[in-house]
Amino acid sequence: MSEEIQNMNMQEFEEPQQAKTPKRDINFILDVPLEMTVVIGKTKILIQELLQLGQGSVIALDKLAGEPMEVFVNNKLIGRGEVVVVNEKFGIRVTDIISPADRVHQLR
């Protein structure tokens, strides 16, 4: 059995060109609904205390009056704000948006 051996011609690689950054077209997601929640405070109570709650009961929360409220979008903290009244309804005036680095850290 006879085998023929040949030299292989290698092509030289060219320098890769910088990839062009595509423009971000986010128009297709602009109408995706998100759930926004504003937390005014939290507390822990015993089942016995829960069963004793009735109309007029007052539940003390962990936040102080005037303290910023936490603003969540889809259960992820995005910022803080203060409570305002808009046309006889509660609203939130955003006073702080968390940094992109902190938002990424939450995802872990």
Foldseek 3Di string as FASTA:
>chain_A
DDDDDDDDDDDDDDDDDDDDDDDDDCVVVPPPDKDKDWDPFDDDDDVVVVVPDDPPDDDDGPDDPPDWIFMDINNQTFATFDWDADPNHIDTDTDTGDDPVVSVVVVD
